[in-house]
Amino acid sequence: NVKFLISVGGTIIGMGVDEAATISYRGLVKPNYLTTNDLIDESKIGL
């Protein structure tokens, strides 16, 4: 029943690879927050 995920640092596991690794948001992000990563292929995104 995980309700929150924290990623500290810039790991590929947290951020993703290739274009997904450039994350524009910072700090707390809620699911209704629209990000550019919503358009990125699922195979490249991180946790």
All heavy atoms as atom14 arrays in JSON, in Angstrom:
{
  "sequence": "NVKFLISVGGTIIGMGVDEAATISYRGLVKPNYLTTNDLIDESKIGL",
  "atom14_mask": [
    [1, 1, 1, 1, 1, 1, 1, 1, 0, 0, 0, 0, 0, 0],
    [1, 1, 1, 1, 1, 1, 1, 0, 0, 0, 0, 0, 0, 0],
    [1, 1, 1, 1, 1, 1, 1, 1, 1, 0, 0, 0, 0, 0],
    [1, 1, 1, 1, 1, 1, 1, 1, 1, 1, 1, 0, 0, 0],
    [1, 1, 1, 1, 1, 1, 1, 1, 0, 0, 0, 0, 0, 0],
    [1, 1, 1, 1, 1, 1, 1, 1, 0, 0, 0, 0, 0, 0],
    [1, 1, 1, 1, 1, 1, 0, 0, 0, 0, 0, 0, 0, 0],
    [1, 1, 1, 1, 1, 1, 1, 0, 0, 0, 0, 0, 0, 0],
    [1, 1, 1, 1, 0, 0, 0, 0, 0, 0, 0, 0, 0, 0],
    [1, 1, 1, 1, 0, 0, 0, 0, 0, 0, 0, 0, 0, 0],
    [1, 1, 1, 1, 1, 1, 1, 0, 0, 0, 0, 0, 0, 0],
    [1, 1, 1, 1, 1, 1, 1, 1, 0, 0, 0, 0, 0, 0],
    [1, 1, 1, 1, 1, 1, 1, 1, 0, 0, 0, 0, 0, 0],
    [1, 1, 1, 1, 0, 0, 0, 0, 0, 0, 0, 0, 0, 0],
    [1, 1, 1, 1, 1, 1, 1, 1, 0, 0, 0, 0, 0, 0],
    [1, 1, 1, 1, 0, 0, 0, 0, 0, 0, 0, 0, 0, 0],
    [1, 1, 1, 1, 1, 1, 1, 0, 0, 0, 0, 0, 0, 0],
    [1, 1, 1, 1, 1, 1, 1, 1, 0, 0, 0, 0, 0, 0],
    [1, 1, 1, 1, 1, 1, 1, 1, 1, 0, 0, 0, 0, 0],
    [1, 1, 1, 1, 1, 0, 0, 0, 0, 0, 0, 0, 0, 0],
    [1, 1, 1, 1, 1, 0, 0, 0, 0, 0, 0, 0, 0, 0],
    [1, 1, 1, 1, 1, 1, 1, 0, 0, 0, 0, 0, 0, 0],
    [1, 1, 1, 1, 1, 1, 1, 1, 0, 0, 0, 0, 0, 0],
    [1, 1, 1, 1, 1, 1, 0, 0, 0, 0, 0, 0, 0, 0],
    [1, 1, 1, 1, 1, 1, 1, 1, 1, 1, 1, 1, 0, 0],
    [1, 1, 1, 1, 1, 1, 1, 1, 1, 1, 1, 0, 0, 0],
    [1, 1, 1, 1, 0, 0, 0, 0, 0, 0, 0, 0, 0, 0],
    [1, 1, 1, 1, 1, 1, 1, 1, 0, 0, 0, 0, 0, 0],
    [1, 1, 1, 1, 1, 1, 1, 0, 0, 0, 0, 0, 0, 0],
    [1, 1, 1, 1, 1, 1, 1, 1, 1, 0, 0, 0, 0, 0],
    [1, 1, 1, 1, 1, 1, 1, 0, 0, 0, 0, 0, 0, 0],
    [1, 1, 1, 1, 1, 1, 1, 1, 0, 0, 0, 0, 0, 0],
    [1, 1, 1, 1, 1, 1, 1, 1, 1, 1, 1, 1, 0, 0],
    [1, 1, 1, 1, 1, 1, 1, 1, 0, 0, 0, 0, 0, 0],
    [1, 1, 1, 1, 1, 1, 1, 0, 0, 0, 0, 0, 0, 0],
    [1, 1, 1, 1, 1, 1, 1, 0, 0, 0, 0, 0, 0, 0],
    [1, 1, 1, 1, 1, 1, 1, 1, 0, 0, 0, 0, 0, 0],
    [1, 1, 1, 1, 1, 1, 1, 1, 0, 0, 0, 0, 0, 0],
    [1, 1, 1, 1, 1, 1, 1, 1, 0, 0, 0, 0, 0, 0],
    [1, 1, 1, 1, 1, 1, 1, 1, 0, 0, 0, 0, 0, 0],
    [1, 1, 1, 1, 1, 1, 1, 1, 0, 0, 0, 0, 0, 0],
    [1, 1, 1, 1, 1, 1, 1, 1, 1, 0, 0, 0, 0, 0],
    [1, 1, 1, 1, 1, 1, 0, 0, 0, 0, 0, 0, 0, 0],
    [1, 1, 1, 1, 1, 1, 1, 1, 1, 0, 0, 0, 0, 0],
    [1, 1, 1, 1, 1, 1, 1, 1, 0, 0, 0, 0, 0, 0],
    [1, 1, 1, 1, 0, 0, 0, 0, 0, 0, 0, 0, 0, 0],
    [1, 1, 1, 1, 1, 1, 1, 1, 0, 0, 0, 0, 0, 0]
  ],
  "atom14_positions": [
    [[0.83, -1.21, 0.0], [0.0, 0.0, 0.0], [0.87, 1.26, 0.0], [0.56, 2.23, 0.69], [-0.93, 0.0, 1.21], [-1.91, -1.16, 1.19], [-2.55, -1.41, 0.16], [-2.03, -1.87, 2.29], [0.0, 0.0, 0.0], [0.0, 0.0, 0.0], [0.0, 0.0, 0.0], [0.0, 0.0, 0.0], [0.0, 0.0, 0.0], [0.0, 0.0, 0.0]],
    [[1.95, 1.23, -0.78], [2.88, 2.36, -0.81], [2.13, 3.63, -1.23], [1.4, 3.64, -2.2], [4.07, 2.06, -1.75], [3.61, 1.82, -3.18], [5.1, 3.18, -1.69], [0.0, 0.0, 0.0], [0.0, 0.0, 0.0], [0.0, 0.0, 0.0], [0.0, 0.0, 0.0], [0.0, 0.0, 0.0], [0.0, 0.0, 0.0], [0.0, 0.0, 0.0]],
    [[2.34, 4.7, -0.45], [1.63, 5.95, -0.69], [2.53, 7.12, -1.06], [2.05, 8.22, -1.31], [0.82, 6.32, 0.56], [-0.31, 5.34, 0.85], [-1.16, 5.8, 2.02], [-2.33, 4.84, 2.24], [-3.18, 5.28, 3.39], [0.0, 0.0, 0.0], [0.0, 0.0, 0.0], [0.0, 0.0, 0.0], [0.0, 0.0, 0.0], [0.0, 0.0, 0.0]],
    [[3.84, 6.88, -1.1], [4.77, 7.98, -1.39], [6.09, 7.37, -1.79], [6.5, 6.33, -1.24], [4.93, 8.85, -0.15], [5.68, 10.15, -0.36], [5.56, 10.87, -1.53], [6.5, 10.66, 0.64], [6.24, 12.06, -1.72], [7.17, 11.85, 0.47], [7.04, 12.55, -0.72], [0.0, 0.0, 0.0], [0.0, 0.0, 0.0], [0.0, 0.0, 0.0]],
    [[6.77, 7.98, -2.78], [8.09, 7.52, -3.18], [9.04, 8.71, -3.2], [8.74, 9.74, -3.8], [8.04, 6.85, -4.56], [9.39, 6.32, -5.06], [9.24, 4.95, -5.69], [10.04, 7.28, -6.06], [0.0, 0.0, 0.0], [0.0, 0.0, 0.0], [0.0, 0.0, 0.0], [0.0, 0.0, 0.0], [0.0, 0.0, 0.0], [0.0, 0.0, 0.0]],
    [[10.17, 8.56, -2.52], [11.2, 9.6, -2.47], [12.42, 9.12, -3.24], [12.89, 8.0, -3.03], [11.6, 9.91, -1.01], [10.4, 10.41, -0.21], [12.72, 10.94, -0.97], [10.67, 10.51, 1.29], [0.0, 0.0, 0.0], [0.0, 0.0, 0.0], [0.0, 0.0, 0.0], [0.0, 0.0, 0.0], [0.0, 0.0, 0.0], [0.0, 0.0, 0.0]],
    [[12.95, 9.96, -4.11], [14.18, 9.65, -4.83], [15.21, 10.72, -4.5], [14.99, 11.9, -4.78], [13.93, 9.61, -6.34], [15.14, 9.39, -7.03], [0.0, 0.0, 0.0], [0.0, 0.0, 0.0], [0.0, 0.0, 0.0], [0.0, 0.0, 0.0], [0.0, 0.0, 0.0], [0.0, 0.0, 0.0], [0.0, 0.0, 0.0], [0.0, 0.0, 0.0]],
    [[16.31, 10.31, -3.88], [17.37, 11.25, -3.5], [18.55, 11.08, -4.45], [19.08, 9.98, -4.6], [17.83, 11.02, -2.04], [18.84, 12.08, -1.64], [16.64, 11.01, -1.1], [0.0, 0.0, 0.0], [0.0, 0.0, 0.0], [0.0, 0.0, 0.0], [0.0, 0.0, 0.0], [0.0, 0.0, 0.0], [0.0, 0.0, 0.0], [0.0, 0.0, 0.0]],
    [[18.94, 12.17, -5.11], [20.04, 12.1, -6.05], [19.55, 11.85, -7.47], [18.35, 11.81, -7.74], [0.0, 0.0, 0.0], [0.0, 0.0, 0.0], [0.0, 0.0, 0.0], [0.0, 0.0, 0.0], [0.0, 0.0, 0.0], [0.0, 0.0, 0.0], [0.0, 0.0, 0.0], [0.0, 0.0, 0.0], [0.0, 0.0, 0.0], [0.0, 0.0, 0.0]],
    [[20.5, 11.63, -8.37], [20.15, 11.52, -9.78], [20.39, 10.14, -10.35], [21.01, 9.99, -11.41], [0.0, 0.0, 0.0], [0.0, 0.0, 0.0], [0.0, 0.0, 0.0], [0.0, 0.0, 0.0], [0.0, 0.0, 0.0], [0.0, 0.0, 0.0], [0.0, 0.0, 0.0], [0.0, 0.0, 0.0], [0.0, 0.0, 0.0], [0.0, 0.0, 0.0]],
    [[19.91, 9.1, -9.69], [20.11, 7.74, -10.19], [19.26, 7.48, -11.43], [18.16, 8.04, -11.58], [19.73, 6.7, -9.12], [18.32, 6.79, -8.86], [20.48, 6.95, -7.83], [0.0, 0.0, 0.0], [0.0, 0.0, 0.0], [0.0, 0.0, 0.0], [0.0, 0.0, 0.0], [0.0, 0.0, 0.0], [0.0, 0.0, 0.0], [0.0, 0.0, 0.0]],
    [[19.75, 6.59, -12.31], [18.94, 6.22, -13.48], [17.71, 5.45, -13.04], [16.68, 5.49, -13.71], [19.76, 5.4, -14.5], [20.24, 4.08, -13.89], [20.93, 6.19, -15.03], [20.8, 3.1, -14.9], [0.0, 0.0, 0.0], [0.0, 0.0, 0.0], [0.0, 0.0, 0.0], [0.0, 0.0, 0.0], [0.0, 0.0, 0.0], [0.0, 0.0, 0.0]],
    [[17.82, 4.77, -11.91], [16.67, 4.0, -11.4], [15.53, 4.94, -11.03], [14.36, 4.64, -11.26], [17.1, 3.16, -10.18], [18.13, 2.12, -10.61], [15.9, 2.48, -9.54], [17.7, 1.24, -11.75], [0.0, 0.0, 0.0], [0.0, 0.0, 0.0], [0.0, 0.0, 0.0], [0.0, 0.0, 0.0], [0.0, 0.0, 0.0], [0.0, 0.0, 0.0]],
    [[15.87, 6.07, -10.47], [14.83, 7.02, -10.09], [14.36, 7.86, -11.25], [13.15, 8.05, -11.45], [0.0, 0.0, 0.0], [0.0, 0.0, 0.0], [0.0, 0.0, 0.0], [0.0, 0.0, 0.0], [0.0, 0.0, 0.0], [0.0, 0.0, 0.0], [0.0, 0.0, 0.0], [0.0, 0.0, 0.0], [0.0, 0.0, 0.0], [0.0, 0.0, 0.0]],
    [[15.3, 8.35, -12.07], [14.96, 9.34, -13.09], [14.62, 8.74, -14.45], [13.74, 9.23, -15.15], [16.13, 10.31, -13.25], [16.43, 11.11, -12.0], [17.91, 12.14, -12.16], [17.45, 13.23, -13.48], [0.0, 0.0, 0.0], [0.0, 0.0, 0.0], [0.0, 0.0, 0.0], [0.0, 0.0, 0.0], [0.0, 0.0, 0.0], [0.0, 0.0, 0.0]],
    [[15.33, 7.69, -14.85], [15.12, 7.13, -16.17], [16.37, 7.28, -17.02], [17.42, 7.74, -16.57], [0.0, 0.0, 0.0], [0.0, 0.0, 0.0], [0.0, 0.0, 0.0], [0.0, 0.0, 0.0], [0.0, 0.0, 0.0], [0.0, 0.0, 0.0], [0.0, 0.0, 0.0], [0.0, 0.0, 0.0], [0.0, 0.0, 0.0], [0.0, 0.0, 0.0]],
    [[16.25, 6.89, -18.29], [17.37, 6.96, -19.22], [17.01, 7.81, -20.43], [15.84, 8.07, -20.7], [17.79, 5.55, -19.68], [18.36, 4.75, -18.53], [16.62, 4.8, -20.3], [0.0, 0.0, 0.0], [0.0, 0.0, 0.0], [0.0, 0.0, 0.0], [0.0, 0.0, 0.0], [0.0, 0.0, 0.0], [0.0, 0.0, 0.0], [0.0, 0.0, 0.0]],
    [[18.04, 8.2, -21.18], [17.88, 9.01, -22.38], [17.1, 10.28, -22.07], [17.39, 10.96, -21.1], [17.22, 8.2, -23.5], [18.06, 6.98, -23.88], [19.29, 7.05, -23.72], [17.49, 5.97, -24.33], [0.0, 0.0, 0.0], [0.0, 0.0, 0.0], [0.0, 0.0, 0.0], [0.0, 0.0, 0.0], [0.0, 0.0, 0.0], [0.0, 0.0, 0.0]],
    [[16.08, 10.6, -22.85], [15.34, 11.85, -22.65], [14.55, 11.86, -21.35], [14.23, 12.92, -20.81], [14.39, 12.12, -23.83], [13.29, 11.09, -24.02], [13.67, 9.99, -24.99], [14.87, 9.67, -25.08], [12.78, 9.47, -25.65], [0.0, 0.0, 0.0], [0.0, 0.0, 0.0], [0.0, 0.0, 0.0], [0.0, 0.0, 0.0], [0.0, 0.0, 0.0]],
    [[14.24, 10.69, -20.81], [13.49, 10.62, -19.54], [14.33, 11.09, -18.36], [13.8, 11.48, -17.32], [12.99, 9.2, -19.29], [0.0, 0.0, 0.0], [0.0, 0.0, 0.0], [0.0, 0.0, 0.0], [0.0, 0.0, 0.0], [0.0, 0.0, 0.0], [0.0, 0.0, 0.0], [0.0, 0.0, 0.0], [0.0, 0.0, 0.0], [0.0, 0.0, 0.0]],
    [[15.66, 11.04, -18.51], [16.54, 11.4, -17.4], [16.54, 12.89, -17.09], [17.02, 13.3, -16.04], [17.97, 10.94, -17.7], [0.0, 0.0, 0.0], [0.0, 0.0, 0.0], [0.0, 0.0, 0.0], [0.0, 0.0, 0.0], [0.0, 0.0, 0.0], [0.0, 0.0, 0.0], [0.0, 0.0, 0.0], [0.0, 0.0, 0.0], [0.0, 0.0, 0.0]],
    [[16.0, 13.7, -18.0], [15.92, 15.14, -17.76], [14.57, 15.45, -17.13], [13.56, 15.63, -17.81], [16.08, 15.93, -19.07], [17.3, 15.54, -19.7], [16.11, 17.43, -18.79], [0.0, 0.0, 0.0], [0.0, 0.0, 0.0], [0.0, 0.0, 0.0], [0.0, 0.0, 0.0], [0.0, 0.0, 0.0], [0.0, 0.0, 0.0], [0.0, 0.0, 0.0]],
    [[14.54, 15.49, -15.81], [13.29, 15.72, -15.08], [13.18, 17.19, -14.72], [14.09, 17.77, -14.14], [13.22, 14.84, -13.82], [13.09, 13.36, -14.24], [12.05, 15.22, -12.94], [12.98, 12.4, -13.08], [0.0, 0.0, 0.0], [0.0, 0.0, 0.0], [0.0, 0.0, 0.0], [0.0, 0.0, 0.0], [0.0, 0.0, 0.0], [0.0, 0.0, 0.0]],
    [[12.06, 17.79, -15.07], [11.9, 19.23, -14.89], [11.35, 19.6, -13.52], [11.42, 20.75, -13.12], [10.95, 19.78, -15.97], [9.69, 19.14, -15.9], [0.0, 0.0, 0.0], [0.0, 0.0, 0.0], [0.0, 0.0, 0.0], [0.0, 0.0, 0.0], [0.0, 0.0, 0.0], [0.0, 0.0, 0.0], [0.0, 0.0, 0.0], [0.0, 0.0, 0.0]],
    [[10.79, 18.64, -12.79], [10.19, 19.0, -11.51], [11.15, 18.77, -10.35], [12.16, 18.1, -10.49], [8.89, 18.22, -11.29], [8.96, 16.74, -11.59], [9.46, 15.83, -10.66], [8.48, 16.24, -12.8], [9.5, 14.48, -10.94], [8.52, 14.89, -13.06], [9.03, 14.01, -12.14], [9.08, 12.67, -12.41], [0.0, 0.0, 0.0], [0.0, 0.0, 0.0]],
    [[10.8, 19.34, -9.22], [11.63, 19.22, -8.03], [10.75, 19.1, -6.8], [9.6, 19.55, -6.77], [12.56, 20.43, -7.89], [11.83, 21.72, -7.55], [12.78, 22.87, -7.35], [12.1, 24.08, -6.92], [12.14, 25.23, -7.57], [12.81, 25.33, -8.7], [11.52, 26.3, -7.1], [0.0, 0.0, 0.0], [0.0, 0.0, 0.0], [0.0, 0.0, 0.0]],
    [[11.32, 18.52, -5.75], [10.57, 18.4, -4.5], [9.34, 17.54, -4.66], [9.32, 16.57, -5.43], [0.0, 0.0, 0.0], [0.0, 0.0, 0.0], [0.0, 0.0, 0.0], [0.0, 0.0, 0.0], [0.0, 0.0, 0.0], [0.0, 0.0, 0.0], [0.0, 0.0, 0.0], [0.0, 0.0, 0.0], [0.0, 0.0, 0.0], [0.0, 0.0, 0.0]],
    [[8.31, 17.89, -3.93], [7.07, 17.1, -3.92], [6.31, 17.27, -5.23], [6.07, 18.39, -5.69], [6.2, 17.54, -2.74], [4.83, 16.86, -2.6], [5.0, 15.37, -2.39], [4.04, 17.48, -1.45], [0.0, 0.0, 0.0], [0.0, 0.0, 0.0], [0.0, 0.0, 0.0], [0.0, 0.0, 0.0], [0.0, 0.0, 0.0], [0.0, 0.0, 0.0]],
    [[5.91, 16.15, -5.83], [5.13, 16.16, -7.07], [3.94, 15.23, -6.89], [4.1, 14.06, -6.55], [5.97, 15.69, -8.27], [5.16, 15.81, -9.57], [7.26, 16.5, -8.38], [0.0, 0.0, 0.0], [0.0, 0.0, 0.0], [0.0, 0.0, 0.0], [0.0, 0.0, 0.0], [0.0, 0.0, 0.0], [0.0, 0.0, 0.0], [0.0, 0.0, 0.0]],
    [[2.75, 15.77, -7.11], [1.53, 14.97, -6.99], [1.13, 14.41, -8.34], [1.49, 14.96, -9.39], [0.42, 15.83, -6.39], [0.76, 16.32, -4.98], [-0.32, 17.2, -4.4], [0.09, 17.71, -3.02], [-0.91, 18.62, -2.42], [0.0, 0.0, 0.0], [0.0, 0.0, 0.0], [0.0, 0.0, 0.0], [0.0, 0.0, 0.0], [0.0, 0.0, 0.0]],
    [[0.38, 13.32, -8.36], [0.05, 12.64, -9.62], [-0.67, 13.49, -10.65], [-0.57, 13.22, -11.84], [-0.84, 11.48, -9.16], [-0.45, 11.24, -7.75], [-0.12, 12.58, -7.19], [0.0, 0.0, 0.0], [0.0, 0.0, 0.0], [0.0, 0.0, 0.0], [0.0, 0.0, 0.0], [0.0, 0.0, 0.0], [0.0, 0.0, 0.0], [0.0, 0.0, 0.0]],
    [[-1.4, 14.53, -10.22], [-2.13, 15.36, -11.18], [-1.25, 16.44, -11.79], [-1.72, 17.26, -12.57], [-3.35, 16.0, -10.52], [-2.98, 16.85, -9.31], [-1.83, 16.89, -8.91], [-3.96, 17.51, -8.73], [0.0, 0.0, 0.0], [0.0, 0.0, 0.0], [0.0, 0.0, 0.0], [0.0, 0.0, 0.0], [0.0, 0.0, 0.0], [0.0, 0.0, 0.0]],
    [[0.03, 16.43, -11.45], [0.98, 17.42, -11.99], [1.41, 16.95, -13.38], [1.97, 15.87, -13.54], [2.2, 17.54, -11.07], [3.24, 18.53, -11.51], [3.15, 19.86, -11.13], [4.33, 18.15, -12.28], [4.11, 20.79, -11.51], [5.3, 19.06, -12.67], [5.18, 20.38, -12.27], [6.14, 21.28, -12.66], [0.0, 0.0, 0.0], [0.0, 0.0, 0.0]],
    [[1.13, 17.76, -14.41], [1.47, 17.39, -15.78], [2.95, 17.63, -16.04], [3.45, 18.74, -15.84], [0.64, 18.21, -16.78], [0.89, 17.93, -18.27], [0.49, 16.49, -18.6], [0.12, 18.9, -19.15], [0.0, 0.0, 0.0], [0.0, 0.0, 0.0], [0.0, 0.0, 0.0], [0.0, 0.0, 0.0], [0.0, 0.0, 0.0], [0.0, 0.0, 0.0]],
    [[3.67, 16.61, -16.46], [5.09, 16.74, -16.75], [5.36, 16.34, -18.2], [4.57, 15.65, -18.83], [5.93, 15.84, -15.83], [5.77, 14.47, -16.26], [5.49, 15.95, -14.38], [0.0, 0.0, 0.0], [0.0, 0.0, 0.0], [0.0, 0.0, 0.0], [0.0, 0.0, 0.0], [0.0, 0.0, 0.0], [0.0, 0.0, 0.0], [0.0, 0.0, 0.0]],
    [[6.51, 16.8, -18.69], [6.89, 16.43, -20.05], [7.16, 14.93, -20.16], [7.07, 14.36, -21.25], [8.17, 17.2, -20.47], [9.19, 16.97, -19.49], [7.89, 18.69, -20.54], [0.0, 0.0, 0.0], [0.0, 0.0, 0.0], [0.0, 0.0, 0.0], [0.0, 0.0, 0.0], [0.0, 0.0, 0.0], [0.0, 0.0, 0.0], [0.0, 0.0, 0.0]],
    [[7.47, 14.29, -19.04], [7.73, 12.85, -19.06], [6.48, 12.02, -19.29], [6.56, 10.82, -19.52], [8.4, 12.42, -17.74], [9.89, 12.76, -17.73], [10.33, 13.65, -18.46], [10.65, 12.07, -16.93], [0.0, 0.0, 0.0], [0.0, 0.0, 0.0], [0.0, 0.0, 0.0], [0.0, 0.0, 0.0], [0.0, 0.0, 0.0], [0.0, 0.0, 0.0]],
    [[5.3, 12.65, -19.22], [4.07, 11.93, -19.52], [4.05, 11.46, -20.97], [3.32, 10.53, -21.33], [2.84, 12.82, -19.26], [2.69, 13.13, -17.77], [3.16, 12.31, -16.96], [2.12, 14.17, -17.44], [0.0, 0.0, 0.0], [0.0, 0.0, 0.0], [0.0, 0.0, 0.0], [0.0, 0.0, 0.0], [0.0, 0.0, 0.0], [0.0, 0.0, 0.0]],
    [[4.83, 12.1, -21.83], [4.83, 11.79, -23.26], [5.95, 10.83, -23.64], [6.05, 10.42, -24.8], [4.97, 13.09, -24.07], [3.96, 14.21, -23.73], [4.29, 15.47, -24.52], [2.54, 13.75, -24.04], [0.0, 0.0, 0.0], [0.0, 0.0, 0.0], [0.0, 0.0, 0.0], [0.0, 0.0, 0.0], [0.0, 0.0, 0.0], [0.0, 0.0, 0.0]],
    [[6.8, 10.46, -22.68], [7.96, 9.63, -22.96], [7.6, 8.15, -22.89], [6.77, 7.74, -22.07], [9.11, 9.97, -21.99], [9.6, 11.4, -22.26], [10.26, 8.99, -22.12], [10.65, 11.87, -21.29], [0.0, 0.0, 0.0], [0.0, 0.0, 0.0], [0.0, 0.0, 0.0], [0.0, 0.0, 0.0], [0.0, 0.0, 0.0], [0.0, 0.0, 0.0]],
    [[8.23, 7.36, -23.73], [7.97, 5.93, -23.77], [8.21, 5.28, -22.41], [9.19, 5.59, -21.71], [8.89, 5.28, -24.82], [8.56, 3.81, -25.02], [7.68, 3.52, -25.85], [9.16, 2.98, -24.32], [0.0, 0.0, 0.0], [0.0, 0.0, 0.0], [0.0, 0.0, 0.0], [0.0, 0.0, 0.0], [0.0, 0.0, 0.0], [0.0, 0.0, 0.0]],
    [[7.34, 4.37, -22.04], [7.39, 3.74, -20.72], [8.68, 2.95, -20.5], [9.12, 2.79, -19.36], [6.18, 2.81, -20.56], [6.01, 2.3, -19.15], [4.7, 1.57, -18.96], [3.81, 1.69, -19.82], [4.55, 0.87, -17.93], [0.0, 0.0, 0.0], [0.0, 0.0, 0.0], [0.0, 0.0, 0.0], [0.0, 0.0, 0.0], [0.0, 0.0, 0.0]],
    [[9.32, 2.5, -21.57], [10.53, 1.71, -21.43], [11.72, 2.53, -20.96], [12.75, 1.97, -20.58], [10.87, 1.03, -22.76], [11.18, 2.01, -23.75], [0.0, 0.0, 0.0], [0.0, 0.0, 0.0], [0.0, 0.0, 0.0], [0.0, 0.0, 0.0], [0.0, 0.0, 0.0], [0.0, 0.0, 0.0], [0.0, 0.0, 0.0], [0.0, 0.0, 0.0]],
    [[11.6, 3.87, -20.98], [12.72, 4.73, -20.62], [12.55, 5.44, -19.28], [13.5, 6.02, -18.77], [12.94, 5.78, -21.72], [13.33, 5.17, -23.05], [13.59, 6.24, -24.1], [14.03, 5.61, -25.41], [14.32, 6.64, -26.45], [0.0, 0.0, 0.0], [0.0, 0.0, 0.0], [0.0, 0.0, 0.0], [0.0, 0.0, 0.0], [0.0, 0.0, 0.0]],
    [[11.35, 5.42, -18.74], [11.12, 6.16, -17.5], [11.67, 5.4, -16.29], [11.85, 4.18, -16.33], [9.62, 6.47, -17.29], [8.82, 5.17, -17.14], [9.08, 7.31, -18.42], [7.37, 5.39, -16.77], [0.0, 0.0, 0.0], [0.0, 0.0, 0.0], [0.0, 0.0, 0.0], [0.0, 0.0, 0.0], [0.0, 0.0, 0.0], [0.0, 0.0, 0.0]],
    [[11.94, 6.14, -15.21], [12.42, 5.53, -13.98], [11.28, 5.32, -13.0], [10.1, 5.45, -13.33], [0.0, 0.0, 0.0], [0.0, 0.0, 0.0], [0.0, 0.0, 0.0], [0.0, 0.0, 0.0], [0.0, 0.0, 0.0], [0.0, 0.0, 0.0], [0.0, 0.0, 0.0], [0.0, 0.0, 0.0], [0.0, 0.0, 0.0], [0.0, 0.0, 0.0]],
    [[11.66, 5.03, -11.76], [10.65, 4.74, -10.74], [9.8, 5.96, -10.39], [8.64, 5.84, -10.03], [11.32, 4.19, -9.48], [11.91, 2.78, -9.62], [12.66, 2.39, -8.35], [10.82, 1.75, -9.91], [0.0, 0.0, 0.0], [0.0, 0.0, 0.0], [0.0, 0.0, 0.0], [0.0, 0.0, 0.0], [0.0, 0.0, 0.0], [0.0, 0.0, 0.0]]
  ]
}
